[in-house]
Amino acid sequence: VIYSERGKGVSICNRDEEGKGKCSLVMPWVGLGTFKVKGQHAKNATRAALDCGYCRIDTASCYHNEQEISEAIAESTVPRKDIFITSKVAPREMTSGD
């Protein structure tokens, strides 16, 4: 179950046996977009965003910058468990078995 909290972000919840929502995560609304950012620029931008307090990074496989973003996250002092990565998969990358 996902729902919006005004001013906070998107809450990600699970329902317990009684059908009540238990929210454990709130993903922020605002994050770093990495479309058309490649190479060292992608790595630098991701590190700068994390250093400034961003904890949501948006990417996609078709941006071809996942390696640089991964390196920036690994080198960051921000714990990985505190970082949200949103991504997209292009239809051409899916098969009928996916």
PDB file of N, CA and C in Angstrom:
ATOM      1  N   VAL A   1       0.848  -1.170   0.000  1.00  0.00           N
ATOM      2  CA  VAL A   1       0.000   0.000   0.000  1.00  0.00           C
ATOM      3  C   VAL A   1       0.887   1.224   0.000  1.00  0.00           C
ATOM      4  N   ILE A   2       0.625   2.127  -0.880  1.00  0.00           N
ATOM      5  CA  ILE A   2       1.396   3.362  -0.972  1.00  0.00           C
ATOM      6  C   ILE A   2       0.418   4.529  -0.917  1.00  0.00           C
ATOM      7  N   TYR A   3       0.731   5.520  -0.105  1.00  0.00           N
ATOM      8  CA  TYR A   3      -0.102   6.706  -0.079  1.00  0.00           C
ATOM      9  C   TYR A   3       0.748   7.924   0.217  1.00  0.00           C
ATOM     10  N   SER A   4       0.193   9.077  -0.084  1.00  0.00           N
ATOM     11  CA  SER A   4       0.912  10.329   0.043  1.00  0.00           C
ATOM     12  C   SER A   4       0.657  10.984   1.383  1.00  0.00           C
ATOM     13  N   GLU A   5       1.728  11.518   1.966  1.00  0.00           N
ATOM     14  CA  GLU A   5       1.592  12.315   3.169  1.00  0.00           C
ATOM     15  C   GLU A   5       1.950  13.745   2.808  1.00  0.00           C
ATOM     16  N   ARG A   6       1.024  14.650   2.979  1.00  0.00           N
ATOM     17  CA  ARG A   6       1.245  16.040   2.602  1.00  0.00           C
ATOM     18  C   ARG A   6       2.498  16.586   3.282  1.00  0.00           C
ATOM     19  N   GLY A   7       3.416  17.093   2.475  1.00  0.00           N
ATOM     20  CA  GLY A   7       4.613  17.715   2.981  1.00  0.00           C
ATOM     21  C   GLY A   7       5.721  16.765   3.392  1.00  0.00           C
ATOM     22  N   LYS A   8       5.464  15.473   3.402  1.00  0.00           N
ATOM     23  CA  LYS A   8       6.485  14.529   3.842  1.00  0.00           C
ATOM     24  C   LYS A   8       7.027  13.697   2.695  1.00  0.00           C
ATOM     25  N   GLY A   9       6.176  13.075   1.977  1.00  0.00           N
ATOM     26  CA  GLY A   9       6.610  12.195   0.901  1.00  0.00           C
ATOM     27  C   GLY A   9       5.610  11.089   0.689  1.00  0.00           C
ATOM     28  N   VAL A  10       6.092   9.991   0.181  1.00  0.00           N
ATOM     29  CA  VAL A  10       5.256   8.846  -0.130  1.00  0.00           C
ATOM     30  C   VAL A  10       5.497   7.775   0.930  1.00  0.00           C
ATOM     31  N   SER A  11       4.443   7.370   1.634  1.00  0.00           N
ATOM     32  CA  SER A  11       4.564   6.328   2.648  1.00  0.00           C
ATOM     33  C   SER A  11       4.383   4.966   2.001  1.00  0.00           C
ATOM     34  N   ILE A  12       5.247   4.056   2.367  1.00  0.00           N
ATOM     35  CA  ILE A  12       5.186   2.691   1.856  1.00  0.00           C
ATOM     36  C   ILE A  12       4.782   1.809   3.029  1.00  0.00           C
ATOM     37  N   CYS A  13       3.626   1.183   2.908  1.00  0.00           N
ATOM     38  CA  CYS A  13       3.049   0.462   4.043  1.00  0.00           C
ATOM     39  C   CYS A  13       2.731  -0.989   3.677  1.00  0.00           C
ATOM     40  N   ASN A  14       2.688  -1.805   4.696  1.00  0.00           N
ATOM     41  CA  ASN A  14       2.236  -3.189   4.569  1.00  0.00           C
ATOM     42  C   ASN A  14       1.009  -3.349   5.452  1.00  0.00           C
ATOM     43  N   ARG A  15       0.126  -4.237   5.063  1.00  0.00           N
ATOM     44  CA  ARG A  15      -1.038  -4.522   5.893  1.00  0.00           C
ATOM     45  C   ARG A  15      -0.748  -5.725   6.786  1.00  0.00           C
ATOM     46  N   ASP A  16      -1.150  -5.610   8.057  1.00  0.00           N
ATOM     47  CA  ASP A  16      -0.977  -6.742   8.968  1.00  0.00           C
ATOM     48  C   ASP A  16      -2.141  -7.711   8.816  1.00  0.00           C
ATOM     49  N   GLU A  17      -2.177  -8.726   9.648  1.00  0.00           N
ATOM     50  CA  GLU A  17      -3.209  -9.762   9.558  1.00  0.00           C
ATOM     51  C   GLU A  17      -4.620  -9.195   9.736  1.00  0.00           C
ATOM     52  N   GLU A  18      -4.726  -8.095  10.470  1.00  0.00           N
ATOM     53  CA  GLU A  18      -6.034  -7.477  10.709  1.00  0.00           C
ATOM     54  C   GLU A  18      -6.406  -6.461   9.633  1.00  0.00           C
ATOM     55  N   GLY A  19      -5.550  -6.310   8.627  1.00  0.00           N
ATOM     56  CA  GLY A  19      -5.836  -5.382   7.543  1.00  0.00           C
ATOM     57  C   GLY A  19      -5.450  -3.951   7.837  1.00  0.00           C
ATOM     58  N   LYS A  20      -4.746  -3.722   8.936  1.00  0.00           N
ATOM     59  CA  LYS A  20      -4.320  -2.374   9.289  1.00  0.00           C
ATOM     60  C   LYS A  20      -2.974  -2.080   8.638  1.00  0.00           C
ATOM     61  N   GLY A  21      -2.812  -0.847   8.191  1.00  0.00           N
ATOM     62  CA  GLY A  21      -1.559  -0.447   7.557  1.00  0.00           C
ATOM     63  C   GLY A  21      -0.476  -0.165   8.563  1.00  0.00           C
ATOM     64  N   LYS A  22       0.699  -0.665   8.288  1.00  0.00           N
ATOM     65  CA  LYS A  22       1.861  -0.399   9.130  1.00  0.00           C
ATOM     66  C   LYS A  22       2.914   0.236   8.227  1.00  0.00           C
ATOM     67  N   CYS A  23       3.148   1.517   8.412  1.00  0.00           N
ATOM     68  CA  CYS A  23       4.082   2.234   7.544  1.00  0.00           C
ATOM     69  C   CYS A  23       5.480   2.202   8.130  1.00  0.00           C
ATOM     70  N   SER A  24       6.416   1.786   7.313  1.00  0.00           N
ATOM     71  CA  SER A  24       7.782   1.697   7.793  1.00  0.00           C
ATOM     72  C   SER A  24       8.730   2.621   7.050  1.00  0.00           C
ATOM     73  N   LEU A  25       8.335   3.110   5.901  1.00  0.00           N
ATOM     74  CA  LEU A  25       9.203   3.966   5.104  1.00  0.00           C
ATOM     75  C   LEU A  25       8.443   5.185   4.593  1.00  0.00           C
ATOM     76  N   VAL A  26       9.131   6.305   4.496  1.00  0.00           N
ATOM     77  CA  VAL A  26       8.587   7.476   3.815  1.00  0.00           C
ATOM     78  C   VAL A  26       9.627   7.920   2.805  1.00  0.00           C
ATOM     79  N   MET A  27       9.297   7.762   1.520  1.00  0.00           N
ATOM     80  CA  MET A  27      10.198   8.166   0.450  1.00  0.00           C
ATOM     81  C   MET A  27       9.939   9.637   0.128  1.00  0.00           C
ATOM     82  N   PRO A  28      10.970  10.459   0.105  1.00  0.00           N
ATOM     83  CA  PRO A  28      10.763  11.888  -0.150  1.00  0.00           C
ATOM     84  C   PRO A  28      10.240  12.149  -1.557  1.00  0.00           C
ATOM     85  N   TRP A  29       9.486  13.245  -1.676  1.00  0.00           N
ATOM     86  CA  TRP A  29       8.975  13.647  -2.985  1.00  0.00           C
ATOM     87  C   TRP A  29      10.100  14.095  -3.909  1.00  0.00           C
ATOM     88  N   VAL A  30      11.034  14.841  -3.375  1.00  0.00           N
ATOM     89  CA  VAL A  30      12.077  15.464  -4.189  1.00  0.00           C
ATOM     90  C   VAL A  30      13.332  14.606  -4.191  1.00  0.00           C
ATOM     91  N   GLY A  31      13.934  14.488  -5.355  1.00  0.00           N
ATOM     92  CA  GLY A  31      15.171  13.748  -5.480  1.00  0.00           C
ATOM     93  C   GLY A  31      15.987  14.279  -6.640  1.00  0.00           C
ATOM     94  N   LEU A  32      17.167  13.712  -6.823  1.00  0.00           N
ATOM     95  CA  LEU A  32      18.030  14.103  -7.933  1.00  0.00           C
ATOM     96  C   LEU A  32      17.628  13.338  -9.182  1.00  0.00           C
ATOM     97  N   GLY A  33      17.316  14.048 -10.247  1.00  0.00           N
ATOM     98  CA  GLY A  33      17.051  13.436 -11.543  1.00  0.00           C
ATOM     99  C   GLY A  33      18.355  13.334 -12.319  1.00  0.00           C
ATOM    100  N   THR A  34      18.602  12.201 -12.951  1.00  0.00           N
ATOM    101  CA  THR A  34      19.890  11.993 -13.623  1.00  0.00           C
ATOM    102  C   THR A  34      19.767  11.804 -15.130  1.00  0.00           C
ATOM    103  N   PHE A  35      18.639  12.193 -15.707  1.00  0.00           N
ATOM    104  CA  PHE A  35      18.448  12.075 -17.152  1.00  0.00           C
ATOM    105  C   PHE A  35      19.469  12.955 -17.872  1.00  0.00           C
ATOM    106  N   LYS A  36      20.144  12.399 -18.862  1.00  0.00           N
ATOM    107  CA  LYS A  36      21.151  13.074 -19.688  1.00  0.00           C
ATOM    108  C   LYS A  36      22.406  13.477 -18.922  1.00  0.00           C
ATOM    109  N   VAL A  37      22.636  12.904 -17.753  1.00  0.00           N
ATOM    110  CA  VAL A  37      23.859  13.171 -16.994  1.00  0.00           C
ATOM    111  C   VAL A  37      24.705  11.907 -17.066  1.00  0.00           C
ATOM    112  N   LYS A  38      25.906  12.038 -17.594  1.00  0.00           N
ATOM    113  CA  LYS A  38      26.727  10.847 -17.830  1.00  0.00           C
ATOM    114  C   LYS A  38      28.132  11.009 -17.251  1.00  0.00           C
ATOM    115  N   GLY A  39      28.821   9.885 -17.153  1.00  0.00           N
ATOM    116  CA  GLY A  39      30.217   9.873 -16.762  1.00  0.00           C
ATOM    117  C   GLY A  39      30.485  10.506 -15.407  1.00  0.00           C
ATOM    118  N   GLN A  40      31.607  11.215 -15.341  1.00  0.00           N
ATOM    119  CA  GLN A  40      32.025  11.837 -14.091  1.00  0.00           C
ATOM    120  C   GLN A  40      31.011  12.867 -13.607  1.00  0.00           C
ATOM    121  N   HIS A  41      30.284  13.501 -14.533  1.00  0.00           N
ATOM    122  CA  HIS A  41      29.248  14.464 -14.132  1.00  0.00           C
ATOM    123  C   HIS A  41      28.141  13.779 -13.333  1.00  0.00           C
ATOM    124  N   ALA A  42      27.766  12.577 -13.743  1.00  0.00           N
ATOM    125  CA  ALA A  42      26.730  11.831 -13.008  1.00  0.00           C
ATOM    126  C   ALA A  42      27.223  11.472 -11.617  1.00  0.00           C
ATOM    127  N   LYS A  43      28.455  11.039 -11.534  1.00  0.00           N
ATOM    128  CA  LYS A  43      29.029  10.673 -10.240  1.00  0.00           C
ATOM    129  C   LYS A  43      29.130  11.900  -9.332  1.00  0.00           C
ATOM    130  N   ASN A  44      29.637  13.001  -9.859  1.00  0.00           N
ATOM    131  CA  ASN A  44      29.783  14.226  -9.068  1.00  0.00           C
ATOM    132  C   ASN A  44      28.428  14.769  -8.606  1.00  0.00           C
ATOM    133  N   ALA A  45      27.458  14.762  -9.501  1.00  0.00           N
ATOM    134  CA  ALA A  45      26.121  15.275  -9.159  1.00  0.00           C
ATOM    135  C   ALA A  45      25.472  14.425  -8.074  1.00  0.00           C
ATOM    136  N   THR A  46      25.632  13.116  -8.180  1.00  0.00           N
ATOM    137  CA  THR A  46      25.053  12.217  -7.181  1.00  0.00           C
ATOM    138  C   THR A  46      25.715  12.425  -5.829  1.00  0.00           C
ATOM    139  N   ARG A  47      27.034  12.516  -5.808  1.00  0.00           N
ATOM    140  CA  ARG A  47      27.747  12.759  -4.545  1.00  0.00           C
ATOM    141  C   ARG A  47      27.329  14.093  -3.939  1.00  0.00           C
ATOM    142  N   ALA A  48      27.246  15.134  -4.758  1.00  0.00           N
ATOM    143  CA  ALA A  48      26.856  16.460  -4.255  1.00  0.00           C
ATOM    144  C   ALA A  48      25.445  16.429  -3.687  1.00  0.00           C
ATOM    145  N   ALA A  49      24.535  15.743  -4.372  1.00  0.00           N
ATOM    146  CA  ALA A  49      23.148  15.661  -3.895  1.00  0.00           C
ATOM    147  C   ALA A  49      23.091  14.932  -2.548  1.00  0.00           C
ATOM    148  N   LEU A  50      23.798  13.826  -2.434  1.00  0.00           N
ATOM    149  CA  LEU A  50      23.814  13.088  -1.170  1.00  0.00           C
ATOM    150  C   LEU A  50      24.449  13.923  -0.059  1.00  0.00           C
ATOM    151  N   ASP A  51      25.525  14.627  -0.375  1.00  0.00           N
ATOM    152  CA  ASP A  51      26.185  15.487   0.613  1.00  0.00           C
ATOM    153  C   ASP A  51      25.285  16.629   1.080  1.00  0.00           C
ATOM    154  N   CYS A  52      24.362  17.062   0.205  1.00  0.00           N
ATOM    155  CA  CYS A  52      23.448  18.164   0.540  1.00  0.00           C
ATOM    156  C   CYS A  52      22.179  17.691   1.246  1.00  0.00           C
ATOM    157  N   GLY A  53      22.036  16.386   1.421  1.00  0.00           N
ATOM    158  CA  GLY A  53      20.881  15.876   2.136  1.00  0.00           C
ATOM    159  C   GLY A  53      19.830  15.182   1.296  1.00  0.00           C
ATOM    160  N   TYR A  54      20.010  15.132  -0.014  1.00  0.00           N
ATOM    161  CA  TYR A  54      19.074  14.368  -0.840  1.00  0.00           C
ATOM    162  C   TYR A  54      19.222  12.895  -0.490  1.00  0.00           C
ATOM    163  N   CYS A  55      18.114  12.177  -0.494  1.00  0.00           N
ATOM    164  CA  CYS A  55      18.216  10.733  -0.246  1.00  0.00           C
ATOM    165  C   CYS A  55      17.400   9.952  -1.268  1.00  0.00           C
ATOM    166  N   ARG A  56      17.009  10.620  -2.348  1.00  0.00           N
ATOM    167  CA  ARG A  56      16.309   9.930  -3.441  1.00  0.00           C
ATOM    168  C   ARG A  56      17.019  10.262  -4.748  1.00  0.00           C
ATOM    169  N   ILE A  57      17.424   9.215  -5.464  1.00  0.00           N
ATOM    170  CA  ILE A  57      18.103   9.354  -6.743  1.00  0.00           C
ATOM    171  C   ILE A  57      17.243   8.672  -7.797  1.00  0.00           C
ATOM    172  N   ASP A  58      16.925   9.396  -8.857  1.00  0.00           N
ATOM    173  CA  ASP A  58      16.095   8.843  -9.928  1.00  0.00           C
ATOM    174  C   ASP A  58      16.964   8.556 -11.145  1.00  0.00           C
ATOM    175  N   THR A  59      16.868   7.346 -11.655  1.00  0.00           N
ATOM    176  CA  THR A  59      17.647   6.945 -12.815  1.00  0.00           C
ATOM    177  C   THR A  59      16.823   5.989 -13.670  1.00  0.00           C
ATOM    178  N   ALA A  60      17.420   5.487 -14.718  1.00  0.00           N
ATOM    179  CA  ALA A  60      16.796   4.477 -15.586  1.00  0.00           C
ATOM    180  C   ALA A  60      17.903   3.769 -16.345  1.00  0.00           C
ATOM    181  N   SER A  61      17.667   2.537 -16.709  1.00  0.00           N
ATOM    182  CA  SER A  61      18.701   1.783 -17.421  1.00  0.00           C
ATOM    183  C   SER A  61      19.063   2.456 -18.749  1.00  0.00           C
ATOM    184  N   CYS A  62      18.097   3.094 -19.382  1.00  0.00           N
ATOM    185  CA  CYS A  62      18.377   3.733 -20.682  1.00  0.00           C
ATOM    186  C   CYS A  62      19.161   5.042 -20.540  1.00  0.00           C
ATOM    187  N   TYR A  63      19.395   5.522 -19.305  1.00  0.00           N
ATOM    188  CA  TYR A  63      20.239   6.706 -19.105  1.00  0.00           C
ATOM    189  C   TYR A  63      21.721   6.341 -19.209  1.00  0.00           C
ATOM    190  N   HIS A  64      22.046   5.078 -19.047  1.00  0.00           N
ATOM    191  CA  HIS A  64      23.423   4.574 -19.131  1.00  0.00           C
ATOM    192  C   HIS A  64      24.365   5.282 -18.157  1.00  0.00           C
ATOM    193  N   ASN A  65      23.881   5.516 -16.933  1.00  0.00           N
ATOM    194  CA  ASN A  65      24.726   6.150 -15.923  1.00  0.00           C
ATOM    195  C   ASN A  65      24.659   5.404 -14.581  1.00  0.00           C
ATOM    196  N   GLU A  66      24.141   4.207 -14.606  1.00  0.00           N
ATOM    197  CA  GLU A  66      23.953   3.454 -13.369  1.00  0.00           C
ATOM    198  C   GLU A  66      25.274   3.129 -12.674  1.00  0.00           C
ATOM    199  N   GLN A  67      26.323   2.875 -13.433  1.00  0.00           N
ATOM    200  CA  GLN A  67      27.631   2.560 -12.841  1.00  0.00           C
ATOM    201  C   GLN A  67      28.152   3.756 -12.034  1.00  0.00           C
ATOM    202  N   GLU A  68      28.086   4.939 -12.624  1.00  0.00           N
ATOM    203  CA  GLU A  68      28.585   6.142 -11.948  1.00  0.00           C
ATOM    204  C   GLU A  68      27.762   6.458 -10.701  1.00  0.00           C
ATOM    205  N   ILE A  69      26.454   6.289 -10.801  1.00  0.00           N
ATOM    206  CA  ILE A  69      25.582   6.530  -9.649  1.00  0.00           C
ATOM    207  C   ILE A  69      25.890   5.521  -8.550  1.00  0.00           C
ATOM    208  N   SER A  70      26.086   4.277  -8.935  1.00  0.00           N
ATOM    209  CA  SER A  70      26.430   3.235  -7.976  1.00  0.00           C
ATOM    210  C   SER A  70      27.743   3.554  -7.259  1.00  0.00           C
ATOM    211  N   GLU A  71      28.729   3.998  -8.002  1.00  0.00           N
ATOM    212  CA  GLU A  71      30.019   4.356  -7.402  1.00  0.00           C
ATOM    213  C   GLU A  71      29.869   5.515  -6.424  1.00  0.00           C
ATOM    214  N   ALA A  72      29.105   6.522  -6.796  1.00  0.00           N
ATOM    215  CA  ALA A  72      28.902   7.678  -5.915  1.00  0.00           C
ATOM    216  C   ALA A  72      28.213   7.269  -4.617  1.00  0.00           C
ATOM    217  N   ILE A  73      27.233   6.393  -4.725  1.00  0.00           N
ATOM    218  CA  ILE A  73      26.529   5.915  -3.527  1.00  0.00           C
ATOM    219  C   ILE A  73      27.478   5.113  -2.645  1.00  0.00           C
ATOM    220  N   ALA A  74      28.277   4.263  -3.255  1.00  0.00           N
ATOM    221  CA  ALA A  74      29.218   3.439  -2.493  1.00  0.00           C
ATOM    222  C   ALA A  74      30.258   4.291  -1.773  1.00  0.00           C
ATOM    223  N   GLU A  75      30.671   5.400  -2.374  1.00  0.00           N
ATOM    224  CA  GLU A  75      31.682   6.274  -1.786  1.00  0.00           C
ATOM    225  C   GLU A  75      31.098   7.275  -0.791  1.00  0.00           C
ATOM    226  N   SER A  76      29.787   7.407  -0.778  1.00  0.00           N
ATOM    227  CA  SER A  76      29.127   8.375   0.093  1.00  0.00           C
ATOM    228  C   SER A  76      29.171   7.936   1.554  1.00  0.00           C
ATOM    229  N   THR A  77      29.065   8.909   2.444  1.00  0.00           N
ATOM    230  CA  THR A  77      28.970   8.598   3.874  1.00  0.00           C
ATOM    231  C   THR A  77      27.530   8.337   4.293  1.00  0.00           C
ATOM    232  N   VAL A  78      26.577   8.538   3.382  1.00  0.00           N
ATOM    233  CA  VAL A  78      25.169   8.278   3.678  1.00  0.00           C
ATOM    234  C   VAL A  78      24.950   6.765   3.653  1.00  0.00           C
ATOM    235  N   PRO A  79      24.389   6.193   4.714  1.00  0.00           N
ATOM    236  CA  PRO A  79      24.141   4.747   4.718  1.00  0.00           C
ATOM    237  C   PRO A  79      23.208   4.345   3.571  1.00  0.00           C
ATOM    238  N   ARG A  80      23.531   3.259   2.899  1.00  0.00           N
ATOM    239  CA  ARG A  80      22.726   2.800   1.758  1.00  0.00           C
ATOM    240  C   ARG A  80      21.270   2.606   2.143  1.00  0.00           C
ATOM    241  N   LYS A  81      21.019   2.161   3.375  1.00  0.00           N
ATOM    242  CA  LYS A  81      19.638   1.920   3.808  1.00  0.00           C
ATOM    243  C   LYS A  81      18.817   3.205   3.854  1.00  0.00           C
ATOM    244  N   ASP A  82      19.471   4.366   3.831  1.00  0.00           N
ATOM    245  CA  ASP A  82      18.776   5.653   3.883  1.00  0.00           C
ATOM    246  C   ASP A  82      18.579   6.278   2.509  1.00  0.00           C
ATOM    247  N   ILE A  83      18.990   5.587   1.455  1.00  0.00           N
ATOM    248  CA  ILE A  83      18.903   6.128   0.094  1.00  0.00           C
ATOM    249  C   ILE A  83      17.833   5.388  -0.692  1.00  0.00           C
ATOM    250  N   PHE A  84      16.957   6.152  -1.348  1.00  0.00           N
ATOM    251  CA  PHE A  84      15.945   5.590  -2.246  1.00  0.00           C
ATOM    252  C   PHE A  84      16.433   5.758  -3.674  1.00  0.00           C
ATOM    253  N   ILE A  85      16.386   4.688  -4.443  1.00  0.00           N
ATOM    254  CA  ILE A  85      16.730   4.746  -5.859  1.00  0.00           C
ATOM    255  C   ILE A  85      15.477   4.388  -6.635  1.00  0.00           C
ATOM    256  N   THR A  86      14.999   5.333  -7.422  1.00  0.00           N
ATOM    257  CA  THR A  86      13.854   5.049  -8.283  1.00  0.00           C
ATOM    258  C   THR A  86      14.389   4.875  -9.699  1.00  0.00           C
ATOM    259  N   SER A  87      13.854   3.903 -10.406  1.00  0.00           N
ATOM    260  CA  SER A  87      14.345   3.594 -11.736  1.00  0.00           C
ATOM    261  C   SER A  87      13.193   3.193 -12.641  1.00  0.00           C
ATOM    262  N   LYS A  88      13.492   3.108 -13.910  1.00  0.00           N
ATOM    263  CA  LYS A  88      12.506   2.701 -14.897  1.00  0.00           C
ATOM    264  C   LYS A  88      13.131   1.679 -15.824  1.00  0.00           C
ATOM    265  N   VAL A  89      12.304   0.836 -16.390  1.00  0.00           N
ATOM    266  CA  VAL A  89      12.749  -0.142 -17.369  1.00  0.00           C
ATOM    267  C   VAL A  89      12.012   0.144 -18.667  1.00  0.00           C
ATOM    268  N   ALA A  90      12.759   0.297 -19.749  1.00  0.00           N
ATOM    269  CA  ALA A  90      12.158   0.555 -21.058  1.00  0.00           C
ATOM    270  C   ALA A  90      11.446  -0.694 -21.543  1.00  0.00           C
ATOM    271  N   PRO A  91      10.312  -0.542 -22.236  1.00  0.00           N
ATOM    272  CA  PRO A  91       9.582  -1.708 -22.750  1.00  0.00           C
ATOM    273  C   PRO A  91      10.464  -2.639 -23.581  1.00  0.00           C
ATOM    274  N   ARG A  92      11.407  -2.099 -24.335  1.00  0.00           N
ATOM    275  CA  ARG A  92      12.270  -2.941 -25.175  1.00  0.00           C
ATOM    276  C   ARG A  92      13.204  -3.826 -24.348  1.00  0.00           C
ATOM    277  N   GLU A  93      13.347  -3.500 -23.057  1.00  0.00           N
ATOM    278  CA  GLU A  93      14.218  -4.292 -22.187  1.00  0.00           C
ATOM    279  C   GLU A  93      13.466  -5.408 -21.468  1.00  0.00           C
ATOM    280  N   MET A  94      12.168  -5.493 -21.680  1.00  0.00           N
ATOM    281  CA  MET A  94      11.366  -6.520 -21.029  1.00  0.00           C
ATOM    282  C   MET A  94      11.035  -7.624 -22.025  1.00  0.00           C
ATOM    283  N   THR A  95      10.844  -8.817 -21.521  1.00  0.00           N
ATOM    284  CA  THR A  95      10.394  -9.916 -22.348  1.00  0.00           C
ATOM    285  C   THR A  95       9.094 -10.441 -21.769  1.00  0.00           C
ATOM    286  N   SER A  96       8.445 -11.301 -22.480  1.00  0.00           N
ATOM    287  CA  SER A  96       7.163 -11.821 -22.025  1.00  0.00           C
ATOM    288  C   SER A  96       7.291 -12.588 -20.722  1.00  0.00           C
ATOM    289  N   GLY A  97       8.474 -13.074 -20.385  1.00  0.00           N
ATOM    290  CA  GLY A  97       8.685 -13.810 -19.144  1.00  0.00           C
ATOM    291  C   GLY A  97       8.955 -12.931 -17.943  1.00  0.00           C
ATOM    292  N   ASP A  98       9.100 -11.621 -18.121  1.00  0.00           N
ATOM    293  CA  ASP A  98       9.432 -10.701 -17.028  1.00  0.00           C
ATOM    294  C   ASP A  98       8.224 -10.265 -16.246  1.00  0.00           C
TER     295      ASP A  98
END
